[in-house]
Amino acid sequence: SRYIRPDELQQSFNFQWLEAEWSAEAFGRVI
C-alpha cells in the first residue's frame, strides 16, 4: 500500500491474492 499513497502510483499488483492457496481461509485473509 505504500506504493499507492495519494502522491505516488495509482495501482500496485496484489500478489498476496495470486500467492494464496486454494482455501476459503486464505482468500478471506487476503481480502
PDB file of all heavy atoms in Angstrom:
ATOM      1  N   SER A   1       0.813  -1.222   0.000  1.00  0.00           N
ATOM      2  CA  SER A   1       0.000   0.000   0.000  1.00  0.00           C
ATOM      3  C   SER A   1       0.845   1.270   0.000  1.00  0.00           C
ATOM      4  O   SER A   1       0.356   2.327  -0.401  1.00  0.00           O
ATOM      5  CB  SER A   1      -0.955  -0.006   1.202  1.00  0.00           C
ATOM      6  OG  SER A   1      -0.255   0.197   2.421  1.00  0.00           O
ATOM      7  N   ARG A   2       2.101   1.170   0.434  1.00  0.00           N
ATOM      8  CA  ARG A   2       2.944   2.370   0.432  1.00  0.00           C
ATOM      9  C   ARG A   2       3.211   2.872  -0.987  1.00  0.00           C
ATOM     10  O   ARG A   2       3.515   4.053  -1.177  1.00  0.00           O
ATOM     11  CB  ARG A   2       4.269   2.077   1.145  1.00  0.00           C
ATOM     12  CG  ARG A   2       4.143   1.915   2.642  1.00  0.00           C
ATOM     13  CD  ARG A   2       5.484   2.098   3.340  1.00  0.00           C
ATOM     14  NE  ARG A   2       6.400   1.015   3.028  1.00  0.00           N
ATOM     15  CZ  ARG A   2       6.550  -0.078   3.769  1.00  0.00           C
ATOM     16  NH1 ARG A   2       5.798  -0.247   4.845  1.00  0.00           N
ATOM     17  NH2 ARG A   2       7.419  -1.023   3.442  1.00  0.00           N
ATOM     18  N   TYR A   3       3.093   2.008  -1.975  1.00  0.00           N
ATOM     19  CA  TYR A   3       3.335   2.419  -3.355  1.00  0.00           C
ATOM     20  C   TYR A   3       2.150   3.161  -3.957  1.00  0.00           C
ATOM     21  O   TYR A   3       2.274   3.760  -5.030  1.00  0.00           O
ATOM     22  CB  TYR A   3       3.671   1.185  -4.219  1.00  0.00           C
ATOM     23  CG  TYR A   3       5.040   0.629  -3.926  1.00  0.00           C
ATOM     24  CD1 TYR A   3       5.258  -0.196  -2.826  1.00  0.00           C
ATOM     25  CD2 TYR A   3       6.125   0.950  -4.738  1.00  0.00           C
ATOM     26  CE1 TYR A   3       6.526  -0.697  -2.538  1.00  0.00           C
ATOM     27  CE2 TYR A   3       7.393   0.444  -4.457  1.00  0.00           C
ATOM     28  CZ  TYR A   3       7.578  -0.369  -3.353  1.00  0.00           C
ATOM     29  OH  TYR A   3       8.841  -0.857  -3.071  1.00  0.00           O
ATOM     30  N   ILE A   4       1.001   3.140  -3.285  1.00  0.00           N
ATOM     31  CA  ILE A   4      -0.202   3.746  -3.844  1.00  0.00           C
ATOM     32  C   ILE A   4      -0.770   4.816  -2.921  1.00  0.00           C
ATOM     33  O   ILE A   4      -1.978   5.058  -2.880  1.00  0.00           O
ATOM     34  CB  ILE A   4      -1.257   2.673  -4.155  1.00  0.00           C
ATOM     35  CG1 ILE A   4      -1.477   1.721  -2.986  1.00  0.00           C
ATOM     36  CG2 ILE A   4      -0.826   1.875  -5.394  1.00  0.00           C
ATOM     37  CD1 ILE A   4      -2.592   0.695  -3.221  1.00  0.00           C
ATOM     38  N   ARG A   5       0.125   5.464  -2.185  1.00  0.00           N
ATOM     39  CA  ARG A   5      -0.303   6.631  -1.429  1.00  0.00           C
ATOM     40  C   ARG A   5      -0.738   7.730  -2.399  1.00  0.00           C
ATOM     41  O   ARG A   5      -0.380   7.708  -3.584  1.00  0.00           O
ATOM     42  CB  ARG A   5       0.824   7.080  -0.506  1.00  0.00           C
ATOM     43  CG  ARG A   5       1.039   6.124   0.666  1.00  0.00           C
ATOM     44  CD  ARG A   5       2.218   6.486   1.537  1.00  0.00           C
ATOM     45  NE  ARG A   5       3.509   6.197   0.908  1.00  0.00           N
ATOM     46  CZ  ARG A   5       4.655   6.089   1.591  1.00  0.00           C
ATOM     47  NH1 ARG A   5       4.651   6.224   2.920  1.00  0.00           N
ATOM     48  NH2 ARG A   5       5.780   5.842   0.959  1.00  0.00           N
ATOM     49  N   PRO A   6      -1.522   8.720  -1.936  1.00  0.00           N
ATOM     50  CA  PRO A   6      -2.151   9.673  -2.857  1.00  0.00           C
ATOM     51  C   PRO A   6      -1.194  10.403  -3.792  1.00  0.00           C
ATOM     52  O   PRO A   6      -1.596  10.809  -4.890  1.00  0.00           O
ATOM     53  CB  PRO A   6      -2.844  10.662  -1.901  1.00  0.00           C
ATOM     54  CG  PRO A   6      -3.130   9.862  -0.683  1.00  0.00           C
ATOM     55  CD  PRO A   6      -1.969   8.916  -0.539  1.00  0.00           C
ATOM     56  N   ASP A   7       0.074  10.566  -3.400  1.00  0.00           N
ATOM     57  CA  ASP A   7       1.009  11.294  -4.258  1.00  0.00           C
ATOM     58  C   ASP A   7       1.980  10.362  -4.977  1.00  0.00           C
ATOM     59  O   ASP A   7       2.986  10.827  -5.520  1.00  0.00           O
ATOM     60  CB  ASP A   7       1.779  12.330  -3.446  1.00  0.00           C
ATOM     61  CG  ASP A   7       2.596  11.722  -2.309  1.00  0.00           C
ATOM     62  OD1 ASP A   7       2.350  10.539  -1.970  1.00  0.00           O
ATOM     63  OD2 ASP A   7       3.472  12.434  -1.762  1.00  0.00           O
ATOM     64  N   GLU A   8       1.678   9.049  -4.986  1.00  0.00           N
ATOM     65  CA  GLU A   8       2.566   8.113  -5.677  1.00  0.00           C
ATOM     66  C   GLU A   8       1.822   7.432  -6.833  1.00  0.00           C
ATOM     67  O   GLU A   8       1.178   8.105  -7.636  1.00  0.00           O
ATOM     68  CB  GLU A   8       3.158   7.116  -4.678  1.00  0.00           C
ATOM     69  CG  GLU A   8       4.073   7.795  -3.651  1.00  0.00           C
ATOM     70  CD  GLU A   8       4.877   6.824  -2.825  1.00  0.00           C
ATOM     71  OE1 GLU A   8       5.385   5.830  -3.397  1.00  0.00           O
ATOM     72  OE2 GLU A   8       5.000   7.041  -1.593  1.00  0.00           O
ATOM     73  N   LEU A   9       1.870   6.129  -6.932  1.00  0.00           N
ATOM     74  CA  LEU A   9       1.301   5.425  -8.071  1.00  0.00           C
ATOM     75  C   LEU A   9      -0.198   5.182  -7.877  1.00  0.00           C
ATOM     76  O   LEU A   9      -0.704   5.208  -6.759  1.00  0.00           O
ATOM     77  CB  LEU A   9       2.027   4.102  -8.275  1.00  0.00           C
ATOM     78  CG  LEU A   9       3.540   4.231  -8.496  1.00  0.00           C
ATOM     79  CD1 LEU A   9       4.197   2.854  -8.527  1.00  0.00           C
ATOM     80  CD2 LEU A   9       3.839   4.995  -9.783  1.00  0.00           C
ATOM     81  N   GLN A  10      -0.859   4.920  -8.996  1.00  0.00           N
ATOM     82  CA  GLN A  10      -2.301   4.686  -8.930  1.00  0.00           C
ATOM     83  C   GLN A  10      -2.625   3.264  -8.469  1.00  0.00           C
ATOM     84  O   GLN A  10      -3.619   3.051  -7.779  1.00  0.00           O
ATOM     85  CB  GLN A  10      -2.926   4.936 -10.317  1.00  0.00           C
ATOM     86  CG  GLN A  10      -3.036   6.404 -10.686  1.00  0.00           C
ATOM     87  CD  GLN A  10      -1.685   7.031 -11.007  1.00  0.00           C
ATOM     88  OE1 GLN A  10      -0.758   6.352 -11.468  1.00  0.00           O
ATOM     89  NE2 GLN A  10      -1.561   8.321 -10.767  1.00  0.00           N
ATOM     90  N   GLN A  11      -1.784   2.283  -8.839  1.00  0.00           N
ATOM     91  CA  GLN A  11      -2.055   0.895  -8.500  1.00  0.00           C
ATOM     92  C   GLN A  11      -0.764   0.153  -8.198  1.00  0.00           C
ATOM     93  O   GLN A  11       0.320   0.555  -8.621  1.00  0.00           O
ATOM     94  CB  GLN A  11      -2.770   0.175  -9.665  1.00  0.00           C
ATOM     95  CG  GLN A  11      -4.158   0.679  -9.956  1.00  0.00           C
ATOM     96  CD  GLN A  11      -4.852  -0.159 -11.033  1.00  0.00           C
ATOM     97  OE1 GLN A  11      -4.212  -0.808 -11.846  1.00  0.00           O
ATOM     98  NE2 GLN A  11      -6.171  -0.131 -11.028  1.00  0.00           N
ATOM     99  N   SER A  12      -0.917  -0.967  -7.496  1.00  0.00           N
ATOM    100  CA  SER A  12       0.177  -1.913  -7.288  1.00  0.00           C
ATOM    101  C   SER A  12      -0.414  -3.308  -7.328  1.00  0.00           C
ATOM    102  O   SER A  12      -1.498  -3.547  -6.785  1.00  0.00           O
ATOM    103  CB  SER A  12       0.868  -1.670  -5.942  1.00  0.00           C
ATOM    104  OG  SER A  12       1.959  -2.556  -5.775  1.00  0.00           O
ATOM    105  N   PHE A  13       0.272  -4.219  -7.997  1.00  0.00           N
ATOM    106  CA  PHE A  13      -0.241  -5.588  -8.082  1.00  0.00           C
ATOM    107  C   PHE A  13      -0.349  -6.201  -6.691  1.00  0.00           C
ATOM    108  O   PHE A  13       0.567  -6.089  -5.872  1.00  0.00           O
ATOM    109  CB  PHE A  13       0.661  -6.459  -8.945  1.00  0.00           C
ATOM    110  CG  PHE A  13       0.538  -6.183 -10.417  1.00  0.00           C
ATOM    111  CD1 PHE A  13       1.649  -5.853 -11.162  1.00  0.00           C
ATOM    112  CD2 PHE A  13      -0.683  -6.256 -11.053  1.00  0.00           C
ATOM    113  CE1 PHE A  13       1.554  -5.602 -12.516  1.00  0.00           C
ATOM    114  CE2 PHE A  13      -0.795  -5.998 -12.401  1.00  0.00           C
ATOM    115  CZ  PHE A  13       0.319  -5.676 -13.145  1.00  0.00           C
ATOM    116  N   ASN A  14      -1.461  -6.888  -6.477  1.00  0.00           N
ATOM    117  CA  ASN A  14      -1.733  -7.541  -5.204  1.00  0.00           C
ATOM    118  C   ASN A  14      -1.308  -9.006  -5.312  1.00  0.00           C
ATOM    119  O   ASN A  14      -2.124  -9.893  -5.563  1.00  0.00           O
ATOM    120  CB  ASN A  14      -3.222  -7.415  -4.878  1.00  0.00           C
ATOM    121  CG  ASN A  14      -3.578  -8.034  -3.554  1.00  0.00           C
ATOM    122  OD1 ASN A  14      -2.703  -8.387  -2.758  1.00  0.00           O
ATOM    123  ND2 ASN A  14      -4.868  -8.190  -3.305  1.00  0.00           N
ATOM    124  N   PHE A  15      -0.019  -9.264  -5.132  1.00  0.00           N
ATOM    125  CA  PHE A  15       0.481 -10.623  -5.296  1.00  0.00           C
ATOM    126  C   PHE A  15       0.089 -11.541  -4.145  1.00  0.00           C
ATOM    127  O   PHE A  15       0.204 -12.768  -4.257  1.00  0.00           O
ATOM    128  CB  PHE A  15       2.005 -10.595  -5.465  1.00  0.00           C
ATOM    129  CG  PHE A  15       2.433  -9.946  -6.756  1.00  0.00           C
ATOM    130  CD1 PHE A  15       3.302  -8.862  -6.744  1.00  0.00           C
ATOM    131  CD2 PHE A  15       1.957 -10.405  -7.970  1.00  0.00           C
ATOM    132  CE1 PHE A  15       3.701  -8.266  -7.929  1.00  0.00           C
ATOM    133  CE2 PHE A  15       2.345  -9.816  -9.163  1.00  0.00           C
ATOM    134  CZ  PHE A  15       3.216  -8.735  -9.147  1.00  0.00           C
ATOM    135  N   GLN A  16      -0.390 -10.971  -3.039  1.00  0.00           N
ATOM    136  CA  GLN A  16      -0.877 -11.822  -1.958  1.00  0.00           C
ATOM    137  C   GLN A  16      -2.065 -12.664  -2.435  1.00  0.00           C
ATOM    138  O   GLN A  16      -2.224 -13.812  -2.035  1.00  0.00           O
ATOM    139  CB  GLN A  16      -1.276 -10.973  -0.745  1.00  0.00           C
ATOM    140  CG  GLN A  16      -0.110 -10.511   0.115  1.00  0.00           C
ATOM    141  CD  GLN A  16       0.707  -9.411  -0.536  1.00  0.00           C
ATOM    142  OE1 GLN A  16       0.171  -8.601  -1.290  1.00  0.00           O
ATOM    143  NE2 GLN A  16       1.998  -9.374  -0.258  1.00  0.00           N
ATOM    144  N   TRP A  17      -2.875 -12.092  -3.310  1.00  0.00           N
ATOM    145  CA  TRP A  17      -4.012 -12.833  -3.851  1.00  0.00           C
ATOM    146  C   TRP A  17      -3.520 -13.939  -4.772  1.00  0.00           C
ATOM    147  O   TRP A  17      -3.984 -15.074  -4.712  1.00  0.00           O
ATOM    148  CB  TRP A  17      -4.944 -11.876  -4.591  1.00  0.00           C
ATOM    149  CG  TRP A  17      -6.139 -12.499  -5.228  1.00  0.00           C
ATOM    150  CD1 TRP A  17      -6.355 -12.740  -6.556  1.00  0.00           C
ATOM    151  CD2 TRP A  17      -7.315 -12.980  -4.560  1.00  0.00           C
ATOM    152  NE1 TRP A  17      -7.569 -13.328  -6.763  1.00  0.00           N
ATOM    153  CE2 TRP A  17      -8.200 -13.488  -5.554  1.00  0.00           C
ATOM    154  CE3 TRP A  17      -7.710 -13.038  -3.228  1.00  0.00           C
ATOM    155  CZ2 TRP A  17      -9.439 -14.040  -5.245  1.00  0.00           C
ATOM    156  CZ3 TRP A  17      -8.955 -13.579  -2.926  1.00  0.00           C
ATOM    157  CH2 TRP A  17      -9.794 -14.069  -3.919  1.00  0.00           C
ATOM    158  N   LEU A  18      -2.570 -13.627  -5.628  1.00  0.00           N
ATOM    159  CA  LEU A  18      -2.009 -14.621  -6.544  1.00  0.00           C
ATOM    160  C   LEU A  18      -1.359 -15.779  -5.783  1.00  0.00           C
ATOM    161  O   LEU A  18      -1.445 -16.937  -6.208  1.00  0.00           O
ATOM    162  CB  LEU A  18      -0.998 -13.934  -7.468  1.00  0.00           C
ATOM    163  CG  LEU A  18      -0.256 -14.749  -8.520  1.00  0.00           C
ATOM    164  CD1 LEU A  18       0.107 -13.847  -9.710  1.00  0.00           C
ATOM    165  CD2 LEU A  18       1.032 -15.347  -7.975  1.00  0.00           C
ATOM    166  N   GLU A  19      -0.710 -15.480  -4.675  1.00  0.00           N
ATOM    167  CA  GLU A  19       0.043 -16.493  -3.943  1.00  0.00           C
ATOM    168  C   GLU A  19      -0.819 -17.294  -2.967  1.00  0.00           C
ATOM    169  O   GLU A  19      -0.352 -18.278  -2.391  1.00  0.00           O
ATOM    170  CB  GLU A  19       1.187 -15.827  -3.176  1.00  0.00           C
ATOM    171  CG  GLU A  19       2.270 -15.238  -4.089  1.00  0.00           C
ATOM    172  CD  GLU A  19       3.356 -14.510  -3.324  1.00  0.00           C
ATOM    173  OE1 GLU A  19       3.008 -13.840  -2.324  1.00  0.00           O
ATOM    174  OE2 GLU A  19       4.525 -14.614  -3.704  1.00  0.00           O
ATOM    175  N   ALA A  20      -2.071 -16.901  -2.778  1.00  0.00           N
ATOM    176  CA  ALA A  20      -2.927 -17.595  -1.810  1.00  0.00           C
ATOM    177  C   ALA A  20      -3.248 -19.009  -2.297  1.00  0.00           C
ATOM    178  O   ALA A  20      -3.512 -19.233  -3.475  1.00  0.00           O
ATOM    179  CB  ALA A  20      -4.217 -16.809  -1.593  1.00  0.00           C
ATOM    180  N   GLU A  21      -3.238 -19.963  -1.385  1.00  0.00           N
ATOM    181  CA  GLU A  21      -3.598 -21.332  -1.718  1.00  0.00           C
ATOM    182  C   GLU A  21      -5.105 -21.431  -1.925  1.00  0.00           C
ATOM    183  O   GLU A  21      -5.863 -20.503  -1.605  1.00  0.00           O
ATOM    184  CB  GLU A  21      -3.160 -22.273  -0.596  1.00  0.00           C
ATOM    185  CG  GLU A  21      -3.822 -21.966   0.732  1.00  0.00           C
ATOM    186  CD  GLU A  21      -3.321 -22.820   1.868  1.00  0.00           C
ATOM    187  OE1 GLU A  21      -2.493 -23.718   1.626  1.00  0.00           O
ATOM    188  OE2 GLU A  21      -3.765 -22.597   3.009  1.00  0.00           O
ATOM    189  N   TRP A  22      -5.546 -22.568  -2.481  1.00  0.00           N
ATOM    190  CA  TRP A  22      -6.973 -22.789  -2.672  1.00  0.00           C
ATOM    191  C   TRP A  22      -7.605 -23.067  -1.316  1.00  0.00           C
ATOM    192  O   TRP A  22      -7.662 -24.189  -0.823  1.00  0.00           O
ATOM    193  CB  TRP A  22      -7.214 -23.956  -3.632  1.00  0.00           C
ATOM    194  CG  TRP A  22      -8.657 -24.271  -3.821  1.00  0.00           C
ATOM    195  CD1 TRP A  22      -9.325 -25.347  -3.331  1.00  0.00           C
ATOM    196  CD2 TRP A  22      -9.630 -23.481  -4.514  1.00  0.00           C
ATOM    197  NE1 TRP A  22     -10.665 -25.291  -3.681  1.00  0.00           N
ATOM    198  CE2 TRP A  22     -10.874 -24.153  -4.412  1.00  0.00           C
ATOM    199  CE3 TRP A  22      -9.568 -22.281  -5.212  1.00  0.00           C
ATOM    200  CZ2 TRP A  22     -12.034 -23.657  -4.987  1.00  0.00           C
ATOM    201  CZ3 TRP A  22     -10.729 -21.782  -5.786  1.00  0.00           C
ATOM    202  CH2 TRP A  22     -11.942 -22.461  -5.672  1.00  0.00           C
ATOM    203  N   SER A  23      -8.077 -22.024  -0.672  1.00  0.00           N
ATOM    204  CA  SER A  23      -8.557 -22.132   0.708  1.00  0.00           C
ATOM    205  C   SER A  23      -9.448 -20.936   1.006  1.00  0.00           C
ATOM    206  O   SER A  23      -9.071 -19.788   0.749  1.00  0.00           O
ATOM    207  CB  SER A  23      -7.367 -22.162   1.670  1.00  0.00           C
ATOM    208  OG  SER A  23      -7.709 -21.740   2.962  1.00  0.00           O
ATOM    209  N   ALA A  24     -10.630 -21.199   1.550  1.00  0.00           N
ATOM    210  CA  ALA A  24     -11.524 -20.111   1.942  1.00  0.00           C
ATOM    211  C   ALA A  24     -10.872 -19.232   3.001  1.00  0.00           C
ATOM    212  O   ALA A  24     -11.008 -18.003   2.989  1.00  0.00           O
ATOM    213  CB  ALA A  24     -12.834 -20.683   2.463  1.00  0.00           C
ATOM    214  N   GLU A  25     -10.148 -19.866   3.913  1.00  0.00           N
ATOM    215  CA  GLU A  25      -9.473 -19.102   4.967  1.00  0.00           C
ATOM    216  C   GLU A  25      -8.414 -18.186   4.378  1.00  0.00           C
ATOM    217  O   GLU A  25      -8.312 -17.008   4.744  1.00  0.00           O
ATOM    218  CB  GLU A  25      -8.836 -20.054   5.970  1.00  0.00           C
ATOM    219  CG  GLU A  25      -8.116 -19.360   7.114  1.00  0.00           C
ATOM    220  CD  GLU A  25      -7.466 -20.331   8.073  1.00  0.00           C
ATOM    221  OE1 GLU A  25      -7.550 -21.549   7.830  1.00  0.00           O
ATOM    222  OE2 GLU A  25      -6.865 -19.879   9.060  1.00  0.00           O
ATOM    223  N   ALA A  26      -7.618 -18.723   3.432  1.00  0.00           N
ATOM    224  CA  ALA A  26      -6.571 -17.907   2.812  1.00  0.00           C
ATOM    225  C   ALA A  26      -7.177 -16.760   2.017  1.00  0.00           C
ATOM    226  O   ALA A  26      -6.704 -15.615   2.090  1.00  0.00           O
ATOM    227  CB  ALA A  26      -5.690 -18.778   1.921  1.00  0.00           C
ATOM    228  N   PHE A  27      -8.226 -17.034   1.240  1.00  0.00           N
ATOM    229  CA  PHE A  27      -8.862 -15.983   0.459  1.00  0.00           C
ATOM    230  C   PHE A  27      -9.434 -14.899   1.366  1.00  0.00           C
ATOM    231  O   PHE A  27      -9.286 -13.704   1.112  1.00  0.00           O
ATOM    232  CB  PHE A  27      -9.970 -16.572  -0.417  1.00  0.00           C
ATOM    233  CG  PHE A  27      -9.484 -17.367  -1.597  1.00  0.00           C
ATOM    234  CD1 PHE A  27     -10.335 -18.237  -2.253  1.00  0.00           C
ATOM    235  CD2 PHE A  27      -8.178 -17.261  -2.065  1.00  0.00           C
ATOM    236  CE1 PHE A  27      -9.912 -18.987  -3.342  1.00  0.00           C
ATOM    237  CE2 PHE A  27      -7.734 -18.000  -3.150  1.00  0.00           C
ATOM    238  CZ  PHE A  27      -8.602 -18.857  -3.796  1.00  0.00           C
ATOM    239  N   GLY A  28     -10.106 -15.308   2.421  1.00  0.00           N
ATOM    240  CA  GLY A  28     -10.690 -14.328   3.332  1.00  0.00           C
ATOM    241  C   GLY A  28      -9.640 -13.460   3.988  1.00  0.00           C
ATOM    242  O   GLY A  28      -9.829 -12.239   4.143  1.00  0.00           O
ATOM    243  N   ARG A  29      -8.509 -14.084   4.376  1.00  0.00           N
ATOM    244  CA  ARG A  29      -7.438 -13.315   5.000  1.00  0.00           C
ATOM    245  C   ARG A  29      -6.866 -12.282   4.033  1.00  0.00           C
ATOM    246  O   ARG A  29      -6.639 -11.119   4.403  1.00  0.00           O
ATOM    247  CB  ARG A  29      -6.343 -14.267   5.474  1.00  0.00           C
ATOM    248  CG  ARG A  29      -5.173 -13.556   6.172  1.00  0.00           C
ATOM    249  CD  ARG A  29      -4.203 -14.562   6.772  1.00  0.00           C
ATOM    250  NE  ARG A  29      -3.609 -15.425   5.754  1.00  0.00           N
ATOM    251  CZ  ARG A  29      -3.907 -16.711   5.575  1.00  0.00           C
ATOM    252  NH1 ARG A  29      -4.828 -17.296   6.345  1.00  0.00           N
ATOM    253  NH2 ARG A  29      -3.312 -17.419   4.642  1.00  0.00           N
ATOM    254  N   VAL A  30      -6.639 -12.678   2.782  1.00  0.00           N
ATOM    255  CA  VAL A  30      -6.072 -11.744   1.810  1.00  0.00           C
ATOM    256  C   VAL A  30      -7.046 -10.606   1.524  1.00  0.00           C
ATOM    257  O   VAL A  30      -6.640  -9.437   1.427  1.00  0.00           O
ATOM    258  CB  VAL A  30      -5.698 -12.480   0.510  1.00  0.00           C
ATOM    259  CG1 VAL A  30      -5.295 -11.476  -0.574  1.00  0.00           C
ATOM    260  CG2 VAL A  30      -4.557 -13.458   0.752  1.00  0.00           C
ATOM    261  N   ILE A  31      -8.313 -10.919   1.379  1.00  0.00           N
ATOM    262  CA  ILE A  31      -9.308  -9.868   1.128  1.00  0.00           C
ATOM    263  C   ILE A  31      -9.309  -8.852   2.266  1.00  0.00           C
ATOM    264  O   ILE A  31      -9.259  -7.634   2.042  1.00  0.00           O
ATOM    265  CB  ILE A  31     -10.705 -10.486   0.947  1.00  0.00           C
ATOM    266  CG1 ILE A  31     -10.773 -11.260  -0.379  1.00  0.00           C
ATOM    267  CG2 ILE A  31     -11.782  -9.400   0.988  1.00  0.00           C
ATOM    268  CD1 ILE A  31     -12.032 -12.096  -0.526  1.00  0.00           C
TER     269      ILE A  31
END
